[in-house]
Amino acid sequence: MIEYTVDNLLKDVHLILEKNEIREGLEAIREKTELLLKQSNLLEKYVDMDSYRGRTIIGHDPEVDTYVIIHGGLKGGKSSPHDHGPCSVIYGNYTGHTLMRRWNRIDNGGAVGPAQLKLVEEYIVNSGKATAFGPGDIHSIDYPDGAFFIRVTLGDVEKQKTCRFDLEKGIVEIDNRANQTR
């Protein structure tokens, strides 16, 4: 059996985006991400575990601005509801699982200030499976210790201004990721 690699994924994403708008290509990219998750030695091949600190870029195609990133693993984590601005993201679990939540805004949708969200879906992404979020899709994640996942980003999320929601305060704030140190 021929192994599906990060290079294969990046080539396939490139071809998909040449023929489709991002939203129309997300399902095909999600399916290709699941092929990569079948690679039995993914971490050993792409990640130096001695220096790993929770996030490693393992592939990039600058022509279509796509990144393949390993996340998680050492310590579990969770996020507040957020979007990725104009970028799309595919999350695929390599080990463990991730609890995903999809949210809709039920207010007027202002960029900052008061905001109300409604939980519309909650589901588990198990190892070998992936899920996709398009531009502006609001979601939150929760994963236990030992869960490694791949995040395929269509666009450089780390250079964007994105929305981050605080459910307790009932507000949305702009998260300027370009100003954060990683």
N, C-alpha and C. Protein backbone atom coordinates (compact mmCIF):
# COMPACT_ATOMS: atom_id res chain seq x y z
N MET A 1 0.84 -1.18 0.00
CA MET A 1 0.00 0.00 0.00
C MET A 1 0.89 1.25 0.00
N ILE A 2 0.60 2.16 -0.88
CA ILE A 2 1.38 3.40 -0.98
C ILE A 2 0.90 4.37 0.10
N GLU A 3 1.89 4.93 0.80
CA GLU A 3 1.60 5.85 1.89
C GLU A 3 1.19 7.23 1.36
N TYR A 4 0.14 7.79 1.94
CA TYR A 4 -0.32 9.14 1.60
C TYR A 4 0.42 10.11 2.53
N THR A 5 1.15 11.06 1.95
CA THR A 5 2.03 11.94 2.71
C THR A 5 1.51 13.37 2.77
N VAL A 6 2.19 14.20 3.54
CA VAL A 6 1.88 15.62 3.60
C VAL A 6 2.03 16.24 2.21
N ASP A 7 3.07 15.86 1.47
CA ASP A 7 3.24 16.38 0.11
C ASP A 7 2.07 16.00 -0.78
N ASN A 8 1.57 14.76 -0.66
CA ASN A 8 0.39 14.35 -1.42
C ASN A 8 -0.81 15.22 -1.07
N LEU A 9 -1.00 15.46 0.23
CA LEU A 9 -2.13 16.29 0.66
C LEU A 9 -2.02 17.69 0.08
N LEU A 10 -0.84 18.29 0.18
CA LEU A 10 -0.67 19.66 -0.34
C LEU A 10 -0.92 19.72 -1.85
N LYS A 11 -0.45 18.73 -2.58
CA LYS A 11 -0.70 18.70 -4.04
C LYS A 11 -2.19 18.57 -4.32
N ASP A 12 -2.86 17.68 -3.58
CA ASP A 12 -4.30 17.50 -3.79
C ASP A 12 -5.09 18.75 -3.43
N VAL A 13 -4.74 19.41 -2.32
CA VAL A 13 -5.41 20.65 -1.94
C VAL A 13 -5.22 21.69 -3.04
N HIS A 14 -4.02 21.80 -3.56
CA HIS A 14 -3.72 22.74 -4.64
C HIS A 14 -4.65 22.50 -5.84
N LEU A 15 -4.75 21.24 -6.25
CA LEU A 15 -5.61 20.89 -7.39
C LEU A 15 -7.08 21.18 -7.09
N ILE A 16 -7.52 20.86 -5.89
CA ILE A 16 -8.92 21.11 -5.51
C ILE A 16 -9.21 22.61 -5.56
N LEU A 17 -8.29 23.43 -5.05
CA LEU A 17 -8.53 24.88 -5.01
C LEU A 17 -8.38 25.52 -6.38
N GLU A 18 -7.67 24.89 -7.31
CA GLU A 18 -7.61 25.40 -8.68
C GLU A 18 -8.96 25.24 -9.38
N LYS A 19 -9.72 24.23 -8.97
CA LYS A 19 -10.99 23.91 -9.65
C LYS A 19 -12.22 24.38 -8.89
N ASN A 20 -12.08 24.73 -7.62
CA ASN A 20 -13.23 25.06 -6.76
C ASN A 20 -12.96 26.29 -5.91
N GLU A 21 -14.04 26.98 -5.56
CA GLU A 21 -13.96 27.99 -4.51
C GLU A 21 -13.74 27.23 -3.20
N ILE A 22 -13.23 27.91 -2.19
CA ILE A 22 -12.89 27.23 -0.94
C ILE A 22 -14.07 26.46 -0.35
N ARG A 23 -15.23 27.12 -0.20
CA ARG A 23 -16.38 26.43 0.41
C ARG A 23 -16.76 25.17 -0.36
N GLU A 24 -16.70 25.22 -1.70
CA GLU A 24 -17.07 24.06 -2.50
C GLU A 24 -16.02 22.94 -2.41
N GLY A 25 -14.78 23.29 -2.10
CA GLY A 25 -13.72 22.30 -2.02
C GLY A 25 -13.47 21.72 -0.64
N LEU A 26 -14.14 22.26 0.38
CA LEU A 26 -13.85 21.85 1.77
C LEU A 26 -14.08 20.36 2.01
N GLU A 27 -15.15 19.81 1.49
CA GLU A 27 -15.44 18.39 1.74
C GLU A 27 -14.36 17.51 1.11
N ALA A 28 -13.92 17.83 -0.08
CA ALA A 28 -12.86 17.05 -0.73
C ALA A 28 -11.55 17.17 0.06
N ILE A 29 -11.25 18.35 0.57
CA ILE A 29 -10.02 18.53 1.37
C ILE A 29 -10.13 17.77 2.69
N ARG A 30 -11.32 17.78 3.28
CA ARG A 30 -11.54 17.01 4.51
C ARG A 30 -11.28 15.53 4.25
N GLU A 31 -11.78 15.01 3.15
CA GLU A 31 -11.57 13.60 2.81
C GLU A 31 -10.09 13.29 2.59
N LYS A 32 -9.37 14.19 1.94
CA LYS A 32 -7.93 13.99 1.74
C LYS A 32 -7.18 14.04 3.06
N THR A 33 -7.61 14.90 3.97
CA THR A 33 -6.99 14.96 5.30
C THR A 33 -7.14 13.62 6.02
N GLU A 34 -8.28 12.99 5.87
CA GLU A 34 -8.48 11.68 6.49
C GLU A 34 -7.53 10.63 5.92
N LEU A 35 -7.15 10.77 4.64
CA LEU A 35 -6.15 9.86 4.08
C LEU A 35 -4.81 10.02 4.79
N LEU A 36 -4.42 11.27 5.06
CA LEU A 36 -3.16 11.52 5.76
C LEU A 36 -3.19 10.95 7.17
N LEU A 37 -4.34 10.98 7.82
CA LEU A 37 -4.46 10.47 9.19
C LEU A 37 -4.22 8.97 9.29
N LYS A 38 -4.25 8.26 8.17
CA LYS A 38 -4.00 6.82 8.15
C LYS A 38 -2.52 6.48 8.21
N GLN A 39 -1.65 7.49 8.03
CA GLN A 39 -0.22 7.25 8.04
C GLN A 39 0.22 6.82 9.44
N SER A 40 0.71 5.60 9.55
CA SER A 40 1.00 5.03 10.87
C SER A 40 2.17 5.70 11.59
N ASN A 41 3.07 6.32 10.87
CA ASN A 41 4.24 6.95 11.49
C ASN A 41 4.26 8.46 11.32
N LEU A 42 3.10 9.06 11.26
CA LEU A 42 2.99 10.49 10.99
C LEU A 42 3.82 11.34 11.95
N LEU A 43 3.67 11.11 13.24
CA LEU A 43 4.41 11.92 14.22
C LEU A 43 5.91 11.68 14.11
N GLU A 44 6.31 10.42 14.01
CA GLU A 44 7.73 10.10 13.92
C GLU A 44 8.37 10.70 12.68
N LYS A 45 7.62 10.73 11.59
CA LYS A 45 8.15 11.22 10.32
C LYS A 45 8.28 12.75 10.27
N TYR A 46 7.34 13.46 10.91
CA TYR A 46 7.27 14.91 10.72
C TYR A 46 7.55 15.76 11.95
N VAL A 47 7.58 15.16 13.14
CA VAL A 47 7.69 15.98 14.37
C VAL A 47 8.87 15.53 15.21
N ASP A 48 9.70 16.49 15.59
CA ASP A 48 10.78 16.24 16.54
C ASP A 48 10.16 16.34 17.94
N MET A 49 9.84 15.20 18.52
CA MET A 49 9.12 15.20 19.79
C MET A 49 9.96 15.76 20.94
N ASP A 50 11.29 15.77 20.80
CA ASP A 50 12.14 16.34 21.85
C ASP A 50 11.97 17.86 21.96
N SER A 51 11.65 18.51 20.85
CA SER A 51 11.49 19.96 20.88
C SER A 51 10.03 20.40 20.69
N TYR A 52 9.13 19.45 20.54
CA TYR A 52 7.72 19.76 20.30
C TYR A 52 7.10 20.49 21.50
N ARG A 53 6.38 21.56 21.23
CA ARG A 53 5.75 22.36 22.28
C ARG A 53 4.26 22.58 22.02
N GLY A 54 3.60 21.66 21.32
CA GLY A 54 2.16 21.77 21.13
C GLY A 54 1.71 22.20 19.75
N ARG A 55 2.68 22.58 18.89
CA ARG A 55 2.31 23.06 17.56
C ARG A 55 3.54 23.00 16.66
N THR A 56 3.42 22.32 15.51
CA THR A 56 4.51 22.26 14.54
C THR A 56 3.94 22.30 13.12
N ILE A 57 4.42 23.22 12.31
CA ILE A 57 4.04 23.24 10.89
C ILE A 57 4.81 22.13 10.19
N ILE A 58 4.08 21.22 9.53
CA ILE A 58 4.72 20.11 8.85
C ILE A 58 4.61 20.20 7.33
N GLY A 59 3.92 21.22 6.83
CA GLY A 59 3.83 21.43 5.39
C GLY A 59 3.21 22.77 5.07
N HIS A 60 3.62 23.33 3.90
CA HIS A 60 3.08 24.62 3.47
C HIS A 60 3.15 24.71 1.95
N ASP A 61 2.08 25.16 1.34
CA ASP A 61 2.04 25.47 -0.10
C ASP A 61 1.78 26.96 -0.22
N PRO A 62 2.82 27.76 -0.50
CA PRO A 62 2.64 29.21 -0.55
C PRO A 62 1.76 29.67 -1.71
N GLU A 63 1.67 28.89 -2.77
CA GLU A 63 0.85 29.31 -3.93
C GLU A 63 -0.63 29.39 -3.59
N VAL A 64 -1.12 28.46 -2.78
CA VAL A 64 -2.53 28.49 -2.37
C VAL A 64 -2.66 28.79 -0.88
N ASP A 65 -1.56 29.16 -0.25
CA ASP A 65 -1.50 29.56 1.16
C ASP A 65 -2.17 28.53 2.07
N THR A 66 -1.71 27.29 1.95
CA THR A 66 -2.22 26.19 2.76
C THR A 66 -1.13 25.70 3.70
N TYR A 67 -1.51 25.49 4.96
CA TYR A 67 -0.60 24.98 5.98
C TYR A 67 -1.13 23.66 6.52
N VAL A 68 -0.20 22.75 6.86
CA VAL A 68 -0.53 21.52 7.56
C VAL A 68 0.24 21.59 8.87
N ILE A 69 -0.50 21.53 9.98
CA ILE A 69 0.08 21.77 11.30
C ILE A 69 -0.33 20.65 12.25
N ILE A 70 0.62 20.15 13.03
CA ILE A 70 0.32 19.21 14.11
C ILE A 70 0.07 20.03 15.38
N HIS A 71 -1.00 19.70 16.09
CA HIS A 71 -1.37 20.38 17.35
C HIS A 71 -1.61 19.36 18.44
N GLY A 72 -1.66 19.85 19.67
CA GLY A 72 -2.08 19.05 20.81
C GLY A 72 -1.04 18.08 21.29
N GLY A 73 -1.52 17.00 21.88
CA GLY A 73 -0.67 15.90 22.28
C GLY A 73 -0.20 15.88 23.71
N LEU A 74 0.64 16.80 24.07
CA LEU A 74 1.25 16.75 25.39
C LEU A 74 0.26 17.05 26.49
N LYS A 75 -0.50 18.07 26.30
CA LYS A 75 -1.45 18.52 27.32
C LYS A 75 -2.75 18.87 26.60
N GLY A 76 -3.86 18.47 27.19
CA GLY A 76 -5.15 18.79 26.61
C GLY A 76 -5.39 20.28 26.57
N GLY A 77 -6.45 20.67 25.91
CA GLY A 77 -6.77 22.08 25.82
C GLY A 77 -8.21 22.28 25.38
N LYS A 78 -8.64 23.52 25.50
CA LYS A 78 -9.96 23.88 25.02
C LYS A 78 -9.93 25.33 24.61
N SER A 79 -10.81 25.67 23.70
CA SER A 79 -10.88 27.05 23.24
C SER A 79 -12.27 27.61 23.50
N SER A 80 -12.31 28.90 23.63
CA SER A 80 -13.61 29.57 23.65
C SER A 80 -14.11 29.60 22.21
N PRO A 81 -15.39 29.86 21.99
CA PRO A 81 -15.88 29.96 20.62
C PRO A 81 -15.11 31.04 19.86
N HIS A 82 -14.78 30.73 18.62
CA HIS A 82 -14.00 31.65 17.79
C HIS A 82 -14.23 31.31 16.32
N ASP A 83 -13.79 32.21 15.47
CA ASP A 83 -13.76 31.89 14.04
C ASP A 83 -12.32 32.03 13.57
N HIS A 84 -12.09 31.77 12.31
CA HIS A 84 -10.75 31.95 11.74
C HIS A 84 -10.79 33.03 10.66
N GLY A 85 -11.66 34.03 10.87
CA GLY A 85 -11.75 35.13 9.94
C GLY A 85 -12.03 34.64 8.53
N PRO A 86 -11.22 35.10 7.56
CA PRO A 86 -11.45 34.72 6.17
C PRO A 86 -10.90 33.33 5.81
N CYS A 87 -10.28 32.67 6.76
CA CYS A 87 -9.64 31.37 6.50
C CYS A 87 -10.59 30.21 6.77
N SER A 88 -10.30 29.09 6.13
CA SER A 88 -11.00 27.84 6.40
C SER A 88 -10.03 26.90 7.09
N VAL A 89 -10.59 26.00 7.92
CA VAL A 89 -9.75 25.09 8.69
C VAL A 89 -10.37 23.70 8.69
N ILE A 90 -9.53 22.70 8.52
CA ILE A 90 -9.93 21.32 8.65
C ILE A 90 -9.16 20.76 9.84
N TYR A 91 -9.88 20.19 10.82
CA TYR A 91 -9.27 19.55 11.97
C TYR A 91 -9.40 18.04 11.77
N GLY A 92 -8.30 17.32 11.91
CA GLY A 92 -8.34 15.87 11.80
C GLY A 92 -7.60 15.24 12.95
N ASN A 93 -8.25 14.35 13.67
CA ASN A 93 -7.60 13.72 14.82
C ASN A 93 -6.73 12.56 14.40
N TYR A 94 -5.48 12.61 14.85
CA TYR A 94 -4.54 11.52 14.61
C TYR A 94 -4.61 10.51 15.76
N THR A 95 -4.60 11.02 16.99
CA THR A 95 -4.80 10.16 18.17
C THR A 95 -5.87 10.81 19.04
N GLY A 96 -6.49 10.00 19.87
CA GLY A 96 -7.49 10.54 20.78
C GLY A 96 -8.71 11.07 20.05
N HIS A 97 -9.32 12.07 20.66
CA HIS A 97 -10.53 12.65 20.09
C HIS A 97 -10.56 14.15 20.40
N THR A 98 -11.45 14.83 19.71
CA THR A 98 -11.70 16.24 19.98
C THR A 98 -13.21 16.44 20.05
N LEU A 99 -13.66 17.12 21.08
CA LEU A 99 -15.06 17.51 21.18
C LEU A 99 -15.19 18.84 20.43
N MET A 100 -16.03 18.85 19.41
CA MET A 100 -16.25 20.04 18.59
C MET A 100 -17.63 20.61 18.88
N ARG A 101 -17.68 21.91 18.87
CA ARG A 101 -18.97 22.60 19.00
C ARG A 101 -19.07 23.64 17.88
N ARG A 102 -20.21 23.67 17.23
CA ARG A 102 -20.52 24.69 16.22
C ARG A 102 -21.54 25.65 16.82
N TRP A 103 -21.32 26.93 16.56
CA TRP A 103 -22.15 27.98 17.13
C TRP A 103 -22.70 28.88 16.04
N ASN A 104 -23.87 29.47 16.28
CA ASN A 104 -24.43 30.53 15.44
C ASN A 104 -24.64 31.77 16.28
N ARG A 105 -24.43 32.91 15.66
CA ARG A 105 -24.75 34.17 16.34
C ARG A 105 -26.24 34.39 16.27
N ILE A 106 -26.81 34.87 17.36
CA ILE A 106 -28.25 35.16 17.38
C ILE A 106 -28.50 36.63 17.69
N ASP A 107 -27.45 37.45 17.54
CA ASP A 107 -27.61 38.89 17.73
C ASP A 107 -27.43 39.57 16.37
N ASN A 108 -27.16 40.86 16.39
CA ASN A 108 -27.03 41.60 15.13
C ASN A 108 -25.71 41.38 14.42
N GLY A 109 -24.76 40.68 15.04
CA GLY A 109 -23.52 40.34 14.37
C GLY A 109 -22.47 41.43 14.32
N GLY A 110 -22.47 42.36 15.27
CA GLY A 110 -21.46 43.41 15.29
C GLY A 110 -20.05 42.84 15.50
N ALA A 111 -19.05 43.57 15.02
CA ALA A 111 -17.67 43.08 15.07
C ALA A 111 -17.11 42.99 16.49
N VAL A 112 -17.46 43.95 17.35
CA VAL A 112 -17.01 43.91 18.75
C VAL A 112 -18.17 44.33 19.64
N GLY A 113 -18.06 43.94 20.91
CA GLY A 113 -19.10 44.32 21.87
C GLY A 113 -20.04 43.17 22.16
N PRO A 114 -21.30 43.50 22.49
CA PRO A 114 -22.26 42.46 22.87
C PRO A 114 -22.44 41.41 21.77
N ALA A 115 -22.53 40.17 22.20
CA ALA A 115 -22.73 39.07 21.25
C ALA A 115 -23.41 37.92 21.96
N GLN A 116 -24.32 37.29 21.25
CA GLN A 116 -25.00 36.12 21.78
C GLN A 116 -24.83 34.97 20.80
N LEU A 117 -24.48 33.82 21.34
CA LEU A 117 -24.30 32.62 20.52
C LEU A 117 -25.30 31.55 20.93
N LYS A 118 -25.63 30.71 19.98
CA LYS A 118 -26.46 29.53 20.24
C LYS A 118 -25.67 28.31 19.78
N LEU A 119 -25.57 27.32 20.66
CA LEU A 119 -24.93 26.06 20.30
C LEU A 119 -25.85 25.33 19.32
N VAL A 120 -25.33 24.99 18.13
CA VAL A 120 -26.16 24.31 17.14
C VAL A 120 -25.76 22.86 16.92
N GLU A 121 -24.53 22.51 17.30
CA GLU A 121 -24.09 21.13 17.13
C GLU A 121 -22.91 20.84 18.03
N GLU A 122 -22.90 19.66 18.61
CA GLU A 122 -21.78 19.19 19.43
C GLU A 122 -21.51 17.75 19.02
N TYR A 123 -20.25 17.46 18.71
CA TYR A 123 -19.92 16.12 18.25
C TYR A 123 -18.45 15.81 18.53
N ILE A 124 -18.13 14.52 18.49
CA ILE A 124 -16.76 14.06 18.74
C ILE A 124 -16.12 13.69 17.41
N VAL A 125 -14.89 14.16 17.23
CA VAL A 125 -14.07 13.74 16.09
C VAL A 125 -13.05 12.76 16.64
N ASN A 126 -13.19 11.50 16.29
CA ASN A 126 -12.28 10.45 16.76
C ASN A 126 -11.06 10.34 15.87
N SER A 127 -10.08 9.57 16.32
CA SER A 127 -8.86 9.40 15.52
C SER A 127 -9.22 8.84 14.16
N GLY A 128 -8.55 9.38 13.14
CA GLY A 128 -8.79 8.98 11.76
C GLY A 128 -9.87 9.77 11.06
N LYS A 129 -10.55 10.65 11.77
CA LYS A 129 -11.66 11.43 11.20
C LYS A 129 -11.31 12.92 11.21
N ALA A 130 -11.98 13.67 10.33
CA ALA A 130 -11.73 15.10 10.21
C ALA A 130 -13.06 15.84 10.05
N THR A 131 -13.03 17.13 10.38
CA THR A 131 -14.19 18.00 10.23
C THR A 131 -13.71 19.34 9.68
N ALA A 132 -14.59 20.06 8.97
CA ALA A 132 -14.18 21.28 8.30
C ALA A 132 -15.02 22.48 8.73
N PHE A 133 -14.37 23.64 8.76
CA PHE A 133 -15.03 24.91 9.07
C PHE A 133 -14.64 25.92 8.00
N GLY A 134 -15.64 26.57 7.42
CA GLY A 134 -15.40 27.56 6.38
C GLY A 134 -15.13 28.93 6.97
N PRO A 135 -14.89 29.91 6.11
CA PRO A 135 -14.65 31.28 6.57
C PRO A 135 -15.79 31.78 7.45
N GLY A 136 -15.44 32.31 8.61
CA GLY A 136 -16.42 32.87 9.52
C GLY A 136 -17.18 31.87 10.36
N ASP A 137 -17.00 30.57 10.15
CA ASP A 137 -17.71 29.57 10.95
C ASP A 137 -17.23 29.63 12.41
N ILE A 138 -18.15 29.74 13.33
CA ILE A 138 -17.82 29.85 14.75
C ILE A 138 -17.82 28.45 15.36
N HIS A 139 -16.75 28.14 16.08
CA HIS A 139 -16.59 26.82 16.67
C HIS A 139 -15.73 26.90 17.92
N SER A 140 -15.76 25.83 18.70
CA SER A 140 -14.86 25.70 19.84
C SER A 140 -14.43 24.24 19.91
N ILE A 141 -13.26 24.02 20.50
CA ILE A 141 -12.72 22.66 20.58
C ILE A 141 -12.31 22.36 22.02
N ASP A 142 -12.29 21.06 22.33
CA ASP A 142 -11.90 20.59 23.65
C ASP A 142 -11.27 19.21 23.44
N TYR A 143 -10.02 19.05 23.86
CA TYR A 143 -9.34 17.77 23.64
C TYR A 143 -8.53 17.39 24.88
N PRO A 144 -8.44 16.07 25.14
CA PRO A 144 -7.73 15.60 26.33
C PRO A 144 -6.23 15.47 26.11
N ASP A 145 -5.50 15.27 27.20
CA ASP A 145 -4.07 14.96 27.10
C ASP A 145 -3.89 13.78 26.14
N GLY A 146 -2.86 13.83 25.34
CA GLY A 146 -2.54 12.73 24.44
C GLY A 146 -3.23 12.78 23.09
N ALA A 147 -4.12 13.74 22.87
CA ALA A 147 -4.79 13.86 21.57
C ALA A 147 -3.94 14.73 20.64
N PHE A 148 -3.45 14.13 19.57
CA PHE A 148 -2.76 14.87 18.53
C PHE A 148 -3.73 15.07 17.38
N PHE A 149 -3.76 16.28 16.82
CA PHE A 149 -4.60 16.49 15.66
C PHE A 149 -3.88 17.34 14.63
N ILE A 150 -4.31 17.16 13.39
CA ILE A 150 -3.79 17.93 12.27
C ILE A 150 -4.77 19.07 12.02
N ARG A 151 -4.23 20.24 11.77
CA ARG A 151 -5.06 21.37 11.36
C ARG A 151 -4.56 21.81 9.99
N VAL A 152 -5.41 21.67 9.00
CA VAL A 152 -5.09 22.15 7.65
C VAL A 152 -5.77 23.51 7.53
N THR A 153 -4.98 24.56 7.30
CA THR A 153 -5.56 25.89 7.18
C THR A 153 -5.43 26.38 5.75
N LEU A 154 -6.52 26.91 5.26
CA LEU A 154 -6.54 27.52 3.93
C LEU A 154 -6.47 29.01 4.16
N GLY A 155 -5.25 29.51 4.16
CA GLY A 155 -4.92 30.87 4.56
C GLY A 155 -4.11 30.81 5.84
N ASP A 156 -3.33 31.84 6.08
CA ASP A 156 -2.49 31.88 7.28
C ASP A 156 -3.29 32.47 8.44
N VAL A 157 -3.91 31.59 9.20
CA VAL A 157 -4.75 32.00 10.33
C VAL A 157 -3.97 32.88 11.30
N GLU A 158 -2.69 32.60 11.45
CA GLU A 158 -1.88 33.31 12.46
C GLU A 158 -1.58 34.76 12.07
N LYS A 159 -2.01 35.20 10.90
CA LYS A 159 -1.83 36.60 10.49
C LYS A 159 -3.16 37.34 10.42
N GLN A 160 -4.23 36.72 10.91
CA GLN A 160 -5.57 37.28 10.76
C GLN A 160 -6.08 37.96 12.02
N LYS A 161 -7.07 38.81 11.80
CA LYS A 161 -7.89 39.31 12.89
C LYS A 161 -9.13 38.42 12.88
N THR A 162 -9.34 37.74 13.99
CA THR A 162 -10.45 36.80 14.09
C THR A 162 -11.35 37.21 15.26
N CYS A 163 -12.51 36.60 15.33
CA CYS A 163 -13.43 36.88 16.43
C CYS A 163 -13.30 35.82 17.50
N ARG A 164 -13.25 36.28 18.75
CA ARG A 164 -13.22 35.38 19.91
C ARG A 164 -14.38 35.80 20.81
N PHE A 165 -15.19 34.82 21.20
CA PHE A 165 -16.40 35.08 21.97
C PHE A 165 -16.22 34.67 23.42
N ASP A 166 -16.70 35.50 24.32
CA ASP A 166 -16.70 35.20 25.75
C ASP A 166 -18.15 34.97 26.15
N LEU A 167 -18.50 33.71 26.37
CA LEU A 167 -19.89 33.36 26.66
C LEU A 167 -20.37 33.92 27.99
N GLU A 168 -19.48 33.96 28.99
CA GLU A 168 -19.88 34.47 30.31
C GLU A 168 -20.17 35.97 30.26
N LYS A 169 -19.34 36.72 29.57
CA LYS A 169 -19.53 38.17 29.47
C LYS A 169 -20.52 38.55 28.37
N GLY A 170 -20.80 37.62 27.45
CA GLY A 170 -21.72 37.92 26.35
C GLY A 170 -21.15 38.93 25.38
N ILE A 171 -19.83 38.79 25.07
CA ILE A 171 -19.19 39.75 24.17
C ILE A 171 -18.36 39.02 23.11
N VAL A 172 -18.05 39.76 22.07
CA VAL A 172 -17.09 39.32 21.06
C VAL A 172 -15.98 40.36 21.02
N GLU A 173 -14.75 39.85 20.88
CA GLU A 173 -13.57 40.71 20.77
C GLU A 173 -12.80 40.32 19.53
N ILE A 174 -12.04 41.24 19.02
CA ILE A 174 -11.16 40.94 17.90
C ILE A 174 -9.86 40.38 18.46
N ASP A 175 -9.47 39.25 17.95
CA ASP A 175 -8.22 38.59 18.34
C ASP A 175 -7.23 38.83 17.19
N ASN A 176 -6.30 39.74 17.40
CA ASN A 176 -5.31 40.05 16.36
C ASN A 176 -4.15 39.07 16.51
N ARG A 177 -4.24 37.96 15.81
CA ARG A 177 -3.26 36.88 15.95
C ARG A 177 -1.86 37.31 15.50
N ALA A 178 -1.77 38.25 14.60
CA ALA A 178 -0.47 38.69 14.11
C ALA A 178 0.35 39.33 15.24
N ASN A 179 -0.31 39.86 16.26
CA ASN A 179 0.39 40.50 17.37
C ASN A 179 0.76 39.53 18.48
N GLN A 180 0.37 38.25 18.36
CA GLN A 180 0.66 37.26 19.40
C GLN A 180 1.97 36.56 19.11
N THR A 181 2.67 36.19 20.16
CA THR A 181 3.86 35.39 19.99
C THR A 181 3.49 33.92 20.05
N ARG A 182 4.05 33.14 19.20
CA ARG A 182 3.72 31.70 19.12
C ARG A 182 4.91 30.89 19.51
